C-alpha atoms as a PDB file:
ATOM      1  CA  MET A   1       0.985  -8.888 -14.171  1.00  0.00           C
ATOM      2  CA  ALA A   2       3.365 -10.284 -11.798  1.00  0.00           C
ATOM      3  CA  VAL A   3       6.969  -9.646 -12.603  1.00  0.00           C
ATOM      4  CA  VAL A   4       9.031 -12.040 -10.397  1.00  0.00           C
ATOM      5  CA  TYR A   5      12.619 -12.246  -9.995  1.00  0.00           C
ATOM      6  CA  THR A   6      13.442 -15.747  -8.102  1.00  0.00           C
ATOM      7  CA  LEU A   7      14.105 -15.874  -4.425  1.00  0.00           C
ATOM      8  CA  LYS A   8      17.678 -16.796  -3.717  1.00  0.00           C
ATOM      9  CA  GLN A   9      17.127 -19.727  -1.775  1.00  0.00           C
ATOM     10  CA  SER A  10      20.605 -20.642  -1.081  1.00  0.00           C
ATOM     11  CA  ALA A  11      21.143 -17.421   0.590  1.00  0.00           C
ATOM     12  CA  ILE A  12      18.740 -17.758   3.137  1.00  0.00           C
ATOM     13  CA  ALA A  13      19.498 -19.483   6.508  1.00  0.00           C
ATOM     14  CA  ARG A  14      16.303 -20.876   8.310  1.00  0.00           C
ATOM     15  CA  ASP A  15      16.670 -18.931  11.243  1.00  0.00           C
ATOM     16  CA  GLU A  16      17.843 -15.766   9.386  1.00  0.00           C
ATOM     17  CA  GLU A  17      16.285 -12.555   9.698  1.00  0.00           C
ATOM     18  CA  VAL A  18      14.795 -10.812   6.450  1.00  0.00           C
ATOM     19  CA  TRP A  19      13.259  -7.501   5.997  1.00  0.00           C
ATOM     20  CA  MET A  20      10.512  -7.088   3.601  1.00  0.00           C
ATOM     21  CA  GLY A  21       9.494  -3.513   2.145  1.00  0.00           C
ATOM     22  CA  ILE A  22       6.374  -3.348   0.285  1.00  0.00           C
ATOM     23  CA  ASP A  23       5.310  -0.480  -1.892  1.00  0.00           C
ATOM     24  CA  ALA A  24       1.596  -0.779  -1.646  1.00  0.00           C
ATOM     25  CA  HIS A  25      -0.955   0.497  -4.233  1.00  0.00           C
ATOM     26  CA  LYS A  26      -4.758  -0.532  -4.792  1.00  0.00           C
ATOM     27  CA  ALA A  27      -3.936  -2.835  -7.470  1.00  0.00           C
ATOM     28  CA  SER A  28      -0.218  -4.059  -7.166  1.00  0.00           C
ATOM     29  CA  TRP A  29       2.498  -4.220  -4.812  1.00  0.00           C
ATOM     30  CA  ALA A  30       6.401  -3.958  -5.171  1.00  0.00           C
ATOM     31  CA  VAL A  31       8.158  -6.220  -2.918  1.00  0.00           C
ATOM     32  CA  THR A  32      11.839  -6.209  -1.863  1.00  0.00           C
ATOM     33  CA  ILE A  33      13.339  -8.671   0.666  1.00  0.00           C
ATOM     34  CA  LEU A  34      16.518  -8.113   2.209  1.00  0.00           C
ATOM     35  CA  GLY A  35      18.788 -10.540   3.992  1.00  0.00           C
ATOM     36  CA  SER A  36      21.964 -10.045   5.863  1.00  0.00           C
ATOM     37  CA  GLU A  37      23.721 -10.584   2.561  1.00  0.00           C
ATOM     38  CA  GLY A  38      21.761  -7.939   0.453  1.00  0.00           C
ATOM     39  CA  VAL A  39      18.706  -8.123  -1.601  1.00  0.00           C
ATOM     40  CA  LEU A  40      17.155 -11.608  -1.985  1.00  0.00           C
ATOM     41  CA  HIS A  41      14.233 -10.754  -4.191  1.00  0.00           C
ATOM     42  CA  GLN A  42      12.624  -8.014  -5.851  1.00  0.00           C
ATOM     43  CA  GLY A  43       9.219  -8.309  -7.640  1.00  0.00           C
ATOM     44  CA  SER A  44       6.052  -6.697  -8.551  1.00  0.00           C
ATOM     45  CA  TYR A  45       2.420  -8.405  -7.666  1.00  0.00           C
ATOM     46  CA  GLU A  46      -1.150  -8.100  -7.983  1.00  0.00           C
ATOM     47  CA  ALA A  47      -2.569  -6.741  -4.666  1.00  0.00           C
ATOM     48  CA  LYS A  48      -3.771 -10.474  -3.518  1.00  0.00           C
ATOM     49  CA  ARG A  49      -3.391 -12.219  -0.406  1.00  0.00           C
ATOM     50  CA  SER A  50      -2.424 -15.417  -2.106  1.00  0.00           C
ATOM     51  CA  HIS A  51       0.995 -13.793  -3.609  1.00  0.00           C
ATOM     52  CA  LEU A  52       1.932 -12.470  -0.200  1.00  0.00           C
ATOM     53  CA  GLU A  53       1.291 -16.006   1.278  1.00  0.00           C
ATOM     54  CA  GLY A  54       3.437 -17.367  -1.723  1.00  0.00           C
ATOM     55  CA  LEU A  55       6.600 -15.156  -0.547  1.00  0.00           C
ATOM     56  CA  VAL A  56       6.171 -15.966   3.161  1.00  0.00           C
ATOM     57  CA  ASP A  57       5.881 -19.585   2.284  1.00  0.00           C
ATOM     58  CA  ARG A  58       9.409 -19.431   0.518  1.00  0.00           C
ATOM     59  CA  LEU A  59      11.159 -18.005   3.871  1.00  0.00           C
ATOM     60  CA  PRO A  60      10.538 -21.039   6.168  1.00  0.00           C
ATOM     61  CA  GLY A  61      11.869 -20.711   9.537  1.00  0.00           C
ATOM     62  CA  CYS A  62      13.001 -17.001   8.838  1.00  0.00           C
ATOM     63  CA  ARG A  63      12.052 -14.243  11.073  1.00  0.00           C
ATOM     64  CA  ILE A  64      10.195 -11.640   8.693  1.00  0.00           C
ATOM     65  CA  HIS A  65      10.077  -7.863   9.548  1.00  0.00           C
ATOM     66  CA  ALA A  66       7.748  -6.283   6.852  1.00  0.00           C
ATOM     67  CA  VAL A  67       6.834  -2.673   6.364  1.00  0.00           C
ATOM     68  CA  TYR A  68       4.674  -0.496   4.160  1.00  0.00           C
ATOM     69  CA  GLU A  69       3.539   2.961   3.981  1.00  0.00           C
ATOM     70  CA  ALA A  70      -0.119   3.888   5.042  1.00  0.00           C
ATOM     71  CA  GLY A  71      -2.454   4.237   1.907  1.00  0.00           C
ATOM     72  CA  PRO A  72      -5.242   2.566  -0.113  1.00  0.00           C
ATOM     73  CA  THR A  73      -4.638  -0.975   1.628  1.00  0.00           C
ATOM     74  CA  GLY A  74      -5.440   0.373   5.270  1.00  0.00           C
ATOM     75  CA  TYR A  75      -4.938  -1.802   7.956  1.00  0.00           C
ATOM     76  CA  LYS A  76      -5.892  -4.924   6.153  1.00  0.00           C
ATOM     77  CA  LEU A  77      -2.445  -5.720   4.707  1.00  0.00           C
ATOM     78  CA  LEU A  78      -1.038  -5.154   8.243  1.00  0.00           C
ATOM     79  CA  MET A  79      -3.318  -7.991   9.457  1.00  0.00           C
ATOM     80  CA  TRP A  80      -2.796 -10.426   6.881  1.00  0.00           C
ATOM     81  CA  LEU A  81       1.117  -9.930   7.318  1.00  0.00           C
ATOM     82  CA  ARG A  82       0.558 -10.545  11.105  1.00  0.00           C
ATOM     83  CA  GLN A  83      -1.608 -13.674  10.591  1.00  0.00           C
ATOM     84  CA  MET A  84       1.184 -14.913   8.398  1.00  0.00           C
ATOM     85  CA  GLY A  85       3.562 -14.624  11.277  1.00  0.00           C
ATOM     86  CA  CYS A  86       5.363 -11.614  10.317  1.00  0.00           C
ATOM     87  CA  GLU A  87       6.614  -8.828  12.527  1.00  0.00           C
ATOM     88  CA  ALA A  88       4.861  -6.065  10.476  1.00  0.00           C
ATOM     89  CA  LEU A  89       4.351  -2.316  10.887  1.00  0.00           C
ATOM     90  CA  MET A  90       2.705   0.460   8.846  1.00  0.00           C
ATOM     91  CA  THR A  91       4.486   3.713   8.746  1.00  0.00           C
ATOM     92  CA  PRO A  92       3.112   7.151   7.694  1.00  0.00           C
ATOM     93  CA  PRO A  93       4.507   8.417   4.548  1.00  0.00           C
ATOM     94  CA  SER A  94       5.418  11.700   5.968  1.00  0.00           C
ATOM     95  CA  LEU A  95       7.872  10.165   8.384  1.00  0.00           C
ATOM     96  CA  VAL A  96       9.836   8.166   5.648  1.00  0.00           C
ATOM     97  CA  PRO A  97      13.304   9.927   5.619  1.00  0.00           C
ATOM     98  CA  ILE A  98      14.176  11.119   2.384  1.00  0.00           C
ATOM     99  CA  ARG A  99      17.777  11.444   1.094  1.00  0.00           C
ATOM    100  CA  ALA A 100      18.763  14.993  -0.395  1.00  0.00           C
ATOM    101  CA  GLY A 101      18.518  14.895  -4.277  1.00  0.00           C
ATOM    102  CA  ASP A 102      16.724  11.643  -4.229  1.00  0.00           C
ATOM    103  CA  ARG A 103      13.881  12.752  -6.428  1.00  0.00           C
ATOM    104  CA  VAL A 104      13.470   9.511  -8.717  1.00  0.00           C
ATOM    105  CA  LYS A 105      10.472   7.504  -7.463  1.00  0.00           C
ATOM    106  CA  THR A 106       9.848   4.045  -8.589  1.00  0.00           C
ATOM    107  CA  ASP A 107       7.676   1.355  -6.893  1.00  0.00           C
ATOM    108  CA  ARG A 108      10.759  -1.073  -6.910  1.00  0.00           C
ATOM    109  CA  ARG A 109      13.165   1.889  -5.457  1.00  0.00           C
ATOM    110  CA  ASP A 110      10.540   2.826  -2.708  1.00  0.00           C
ATOM    111  CA  SER A 111      10.016  -0.916  -1.737  1.00  0.00           C
ATOM    112  CA  ALA A 112      13.890  -1.371  -1.353  1.00  0.00           C
ATOM    113  CA  LYS A 113      14.223   1.975   0.516  1.00  0.00           C
ATOM    114  CA  LEU A 114      11.505   0.700   2.810  1.00  0.00           C
ATOM    115  CA  ALA A 115      13.056  -2.643   3.547  1.00  0.00           C
ATOM    116  CA  GLU A 116      16.581  -0.618   4.202  1.00  0.00           C
ATOM    117  CA  LEU A 117      15.185   1.682   6.604  1.00  0.00           C
ATOM    118  CA  LEU A 118      13.309  -1.004   8.466  1.00  0.00           C
ATOM    119  CA  ARG A 119      16.397  -2.937   8.656  1.00  0.00           C
ATOM    120  CA  ALA A 120      18.266   0.102  10.137  1.00  0.00           C
ATOM    121  CA  GLY A 121      15.339   0.688  12.581  1.00  0.00           C
ATOM    122  CA  LEU A 122      14.565   4.122  11.071  1.00  0.00           C
ATOM    123  CA  LEU A 123      10.986   3.921  10.658  1.00  0.00           C
ATOM    124  CA  LYS A 124       8.033   4.757  13.187  1.00  0.00           C
ATOM    125  CA  PRO A 125       4.753   2.769  13.062  1.00  0.00           C
ATOM    126  CA  ILE A 126       1.501   4.460  13.087  1.00  0.00           C
ATOM    127  CA  PHE A 127      -0.904   3.951  16.088  1.00  0.00           C
ATOM    128  CA  ASP A 128      -1.726   0.123  16.075  1.00  0.00           C
ATOM    129  CA  LEU A 129      -5.588  -0.578  16.123  1.00  0.00           C
ATOM    130  CA  LYS A 130      -6.793  -3.770  17.344  1.00  0.00           C
ATOM    131  CA  GLU A 131      -8.748  -5.940  14.843  1.00  0.00           C
ATOM    132  CA  GLU A 132     -11.987  -5.267  16.954  1.00  0.00           C
ATOM    133  CA  THR A 133     -11.171  -1.567  16.852  1.00  0.00           C
ATOM    134  CA  TYR A 134     -10.828  -1.532  13.394  1.00  0.00           C
ATOM    135  CA  HIS A 135     -13.935  -3.460  12.517  1.00  0.00           C
ATOM    136  CA  HIS A 136     -15.894  -0.871  14.845  1.00  0.00           C
ATOM    137  CA  ARG A 137     -14.155   2.087  13.006  1.00  0.00           C
ATOM    138  CA  GLU A 138     -15.378   0.575   9.671  1.00  0.00           C
ATOM    139  CA  LEU A 139     -19.041   0.381  10.899  1.00  0.00           C
ATOM    140  CA  VAL A 140     -18.987   3.777  12.092  1.00  0.00           C
ATOM    141  CA  ARG A 141     -17.661   5.034   8.837  1.00  0.00           C
ATOM    142  CA  THR A 142     -20.167   3.351   6.908  1.00  0.00           C
ATOM    143  CA  ARG A 143     -22.938   4.557   8.949  1.00  0.00           C
ATOM    144  CA  ALA A 144     -21.578   8.128   8.285  1.00  0.00           C
ATOM    145  CA  GLN A 145     -21.451   7.695   4.727  1.00  0.00           C
ATOM    146  CA  LEU A 146     -25.028   6.268   4.707  1.00  0.00           C
ATOM    147  CA  ILE A 147     -26.381   9.118   6.582  1.00  0.00           C
ATOM    148  CA  GLU A 148     -24.718  11.516   4.089  1.00  0.00           C
ATOM    149  CA  HIS A 149     -25.906   9.702   1.146  1.00  0.00           C
ATOM    150  CA  ARG A 150     -29.503   9.985   2.602  1.00  0.00           C
ATOM    151  CA  SER A 151     -29.004  13.715   3.040  1.00  0.00           C
ATOM    152  CA  ASP A 152     -28.004  14.079  -0.421  1.00  0.00           C
ATOM    153  CA  ILE A 153     -31.033  12.288  -1.781  1.00  0.00           C
ATOM    154  CA  CYS A 154     -33.524  14.334   0.592  1.00  0.00           C
ATOM    155  CA  ARG A 155     -31.698  17.560  -0.916  1.00  0.00           C
ATOM    156  CA  GLN A 156     -32.237  16.180  -4.507  1.00  0.00           C
ATOM    157  CA  ILE A 157     -35.859  15.401  -3.814  1.00  0.00           C
ATOM    158  CA  LYS A 158     -36.441  18.969  -2.267  1.00  0.00           C
ATOM    159  CA  SER A 159     -34.642  20.415  -5.340  1.00  0.00           C
ATOM    160  CA  LYS A 160     -37.098  18.409  -7.773  1.00  0.00           C
ATOM    161  CA  LEU A 161     -40.173  19.472  -5.953  1.00  0.00           C
ATOM    162  CA  LEU A 162     -38.990  23.407  -5.770  1.00  0.00           C
ATOM    163  CA  SER A 163     -38.106  23.365  -9.432  1.00  0.00           C
ATOM    164  CA  SER A 164     -41.274  21.363 -10.597  1.00  0.00           C
ATOM    165  CA  SER A 165     -43.781  23.976  -8.867  1.00  0.00           C
END
């Protein structure tokens, strides 16, 4: 599944700043890494932490700035990036600037656009949840889903009892 283009090792200085744009989907990620000289890497990966760790490990000593659009990955990708030492942010898709006439959307182009906009400082982050708040929110959501499921089952039972009499 992974379509990988080699990371240009010779173009990376140890203390260089790099910008990583991630077009994140449920099953895959398109990643573009920009350095001061331009595109250092572009590739597609399965949506697994190990692939992300591999990319970050190939940038030793670099200051990595990463961004992705809010979507199916939620806060988990943000937490992973921060645990790996990246300065990461998640941005709402509605606040990503779009050039006039730029209608062609591909994962590769989107990841490159995110990296370029991050480097230019044109992206705004979403409200930043702390990890504890994130886990509390997940518990509340799960409880609400279970209550709704229980209500659905009660309605189904009542319907069966009414139709059988």
